[in-house]
Amino acid sequence: ESPLPSTALMLLREIKEQAGEPLARLRASMGWCLDDAQLSELRYHKHELARMAKHLAPSALAHLMITTELAYGAWTAAGKLGTLRHHLAVSRVLAAIKADGEVIE
């Protein structure tokens, strides 16, 4: 179950459909393969961000979700998951105080 409104989910699917093939190539070329524990953690971070950023427009929420996925893959592949967790915690604080989408990202 996703805390995203249906409009944001629809927009996120559209973004993924449009960027699907290039995004898959990017992930493969950079070695962004997540294990089950990492996928679970990524889902947790996306869920928490979506829950706290309900004030954003659906398009901004969808953009925030795809940005979180890309950042998680890149930072995990770089071995800097601890740094990413800090950035995601800051993003959750910014979402909680109802900051704009660009600020949260």
Protein backbone atom coordinates (compact mmCIF):
# COMPACT_ATOMS: atom_id res chain seq x y z
CA GLU A 1 0.00 0.00 0.00
CA SER A 2 1.30 3.41 -0.92
CA PRO A 3 0.67 6.66 0.89
CA LEU A 4 0.75 8.44 -2.48
CA PRO A 5 -2.55 9.77 -3.79
CA SER A 6 -3.78 7.98 -6.91
CA THR A 7 -2.92 10.96 -9.13
CA ALA A 8 0.70 10.92 -7.92
CA LEU A 9 0.90 7.15 -8.47
CA MET A 10 -0.38 7.59 -12.01
CA LEU A 11 2.18 10.31 -12.72
CA LEU A 12 4.98 8.20 -11.22
CA ARG A 13 3.99 5.31 -13.51
CA GLU A 14 4.02 7.68 -16.50
CA ILE A 15 7.50 8.94 -15.61
CA LYS A 16 8.76 5.38 -15.26
CA GLU A 17 7.19 4.38 -18.59
CA GLN A 18 8.79 7.34 -20.36
CA ALA A 19 12.19 6.82 -18.75
CA GLY A 20 11.96 3.04 -18.46
CA GLU A 21 14.47 1.86 -21.03
CA PRO A 22 17.09 4.60 -20.51
CA LEU A 23 16.70 4.28 -16.74
CA ALA A 24 17.17 0.49 -16.90
CA ARG A 25 20.31 0.96 -19.01
CA LEU A 26 21.65 3.54 -16.55
CA ARG A 27 21.02 1.26 -13.57
CA ALA A 28 22.66 -1.69 -15.33
CA SER A 29 25.68 0.29 -16.52
CA MET A 30 26.28 1.74 -13.06
CA GLY A 31 25.76 -1.56 -11.26
CA TRP A 32 22.73 -0.33 -9.35
CA CYS A 33 21.41 -3.73 -8.36
CA LEU A 34 19.77 -3.69 -4.94
CA ASP A 35 19.41 -6.74 -2.72
CA ASP A 36 16.22 -7.54 -0.80
CA ALA A 37 17.30 -5.62 2.32
CA GLN A 38 18.18 -2.54 0.27
CA LEU A 39 14.88 -2.70 -1.63
CA SER A 40 13.04 -2.92 1.67
CA GLU A 41 14.93 0.09 3.02
CA LEU A 42 14.25 2.06 -0.17
CA ARG A 43 10.52 1.30 0.13
CA TYR A 44 10.61 2.49 3.74
CA HIS A 45 12.26 5.80 2.80
CA LYS A 46 9.85 6.38 -0.08
CA HIS A 47 6.87 5.56 2.13
CA GLU A 48 8.00 7.93 4.88
CA LEU A 49 8.74 10.76 2.44
CA ALA A 50 5.38 10.32 0.73
CA ARG A 51 3.58 10.25 4.06
CA MET A 52 5.27 13.46 5.22
CA ALA A 53 5.07 15.30 1.90
CA LYS A 54 1.32 15.04 1.36
CA HIS A 55 1.22 18.81 0.99
CA LEU A 56 3.01 18.58 -2.38
CA ALA A 57 1.21 18.52 -5.69
CA PRO A 58 0.92 15.02 -7.22
CA SER A 59 3.53 15.85 -9.87
CA ALA A 60 6.01 16.98 -7.20
CA LEU A 61 5.36 13.82 -5.17
CA ALA A 62 5.97 11.64 -8.23
CA HIS A 63 9.18 13.51 -8.98
CA LEU A 64 10.32 13.14 -5.37
CA MET A 65 9.78 9.36 -5.54
CA ILE A 66 11.79 8.89 -8.74
CA THR A 67 14.55 11.16 -7.43
CA THR A 68 14.70 9.11 -4.22
CA GLU A 69 15.01 5.88 -6.23
CA LEU A 70 17.82 7.28 -8.37
CA ALA A 71 19.70 8.71 -5.41
CA TYR A 72 19.37 5.48 -3.45
CA GLY A 73 20.77 3.44 -6.33
CA ALA A 74 23.67 5.82 -6.95
CA TRP A 75 24.69 6.29 -3.33
CA THR A 76 24.35 2.57 -2.56
CA ALA A 77 26.54 1.65 -5.54
CA ALA A 78 29.10 4.23 -4.37
CA GLY A 79 29.19 2.63 -0.93
CA LYS A 80 27.88 5.78 0.75
CA LEU A 81 24.61 4.51 2.18
CA GLY A 82 25.30 6.17 5.54
CA THR A 83 25.57 9.58 3.89
CA LEU A 84 22.39 8.93 1.91
CA ARG A 85 20.49 7.98 5.06
CA HIS A 86 21.45 11.35 6.53
CA HIS A 87 20.22 13.18 3.42
CA LEU A 88 16.96 11.24 3.49
CA ALA A 89 16.45 12.07 7.17
CA VAL A 90 16.94 15.76 6.37
CA SER A 91 14.45 15.41 3.50
CA ARG A 92 11.89 13.95 5.89
CA VAL A 93 12.35 16.89 8.26
CA LEU A 94 11.91 19.33 5.37
CA ALA A 95 8.79 17.47 4.26
CA ALA A 96 7.42 17.57 7.80
CA ILE A 97 7.73 21.36 7.86
CA LYS A 98 6.01 21.50 4.46
CA ALA A 99 8.95 22.72 2.40
CA ASP A 100 8.65 22.93 -1.39
CA GLY A 101 9.44 19.85 -3.47
CA GLU A 102 12.69 21.29 -4.83
CA VAL A 103 13.89 22.02 -1.30
CA ILE A 104 13.07 18.50 -0.12
CA GLU A 105 14.97 16.96 -3.02
